[in-house]
Amino acid sequence: MLGPRAKQYIFEGCRDAIHAATHVVALLDGTQVDDGTAWEIGYA
């Protein structure tokens, strides 16, 4: 679908959703935190 722009499209969507959110909830129930989730928590 987006090819080389896919990563940028996903990043912009996540960033914009965080800007629009009033709350952020993250599930940290594994042995290791996912890189994307860690970034979203830190950015928020």
Protein backbone atom coordinates (compact mmCIF):
# COMPACT_ATOMS: atom_id res chain seq x y z
CA MET A 1 0.00 0.00 0.00
CA LEU A 2 2.42 2.72 1.13
CA GLY A 3 5.71 0.96 0.50
CA PRO A 4 8.65 3.04 1.71
CA ARG A 5 6.34 5.63 3.33
CA ALA A 6 4.66 3.06 5.61
CA LYS A 7 6.90 3.74 8.63
CA GLN A 8 6.42 7.50 8.34
CA TYR A 9 2.64 7.08 7.94
CA ILE A 10 2.40 4.90 11.07
CA PHE A 11 4.63 7.26 13.07
CA GLU A 12 2.59 10.32 12.10
CA GLY A 13 -0.66 8.53 12.97
CA CYS A 14 0.62 7.54 16.43
CA ARG A 15 2.03 11.00 17.11
CA ASP A 16 -1.17 12.74 16.03
CA ALA A 17 -3.30 10.38 18.14
CA ILE A 18 -1.18 11.14 21.22
CA HIS A 19 -1.59 14.87 20.61
CA ALA A 20 -5.37 14.44 20.42
CA ALA A 21 -5.61 12.18 23.49
CA THR A 22 -6.49 13.26 26.99
CA HIS A 23 -5.23 9.99 28.52
CA VAL A 24 -2.74 7.30 27.58
CA VAL A 25 -2.97 3.71 28.83
CA ALA A 26 -0.20 1.21 28.13
CA LEU A 27 -0.22 -2.51 28.90
CA LEU A 28 3.19 -3.55 30.20
CA ASP A 29 2.47 -7.17 31.02
CA GLY A 30 5.28 -8.86 29.10
CA THR A 31 8.87 -9.57 29.98
CA GLN A 32 10.03 -6.76 27.72
CA VAL A 33 8.42 -3.45 26.73
CA ASP A 34 7.80 -3.10 22.99
CA ASP A 35 9.92 -0.33 21.41
CA GLY A 36 6.89 1.41 19.93
CA THR A 37 5.01 1.33 23.23
CA ALA A 38 8.05 2.67 25.08
CA TRP A 39 8.30 5.56 22.62
CA GLU A 40 4.58 6.34 22.93
CA ILE A 41 4.79 6.41 26.75
CA GLY A 42 7.82 8.67 26.69
CA TYR A 43 6.36 10.99 24.08
CA ALA A 44 3.06 11.29 25.92
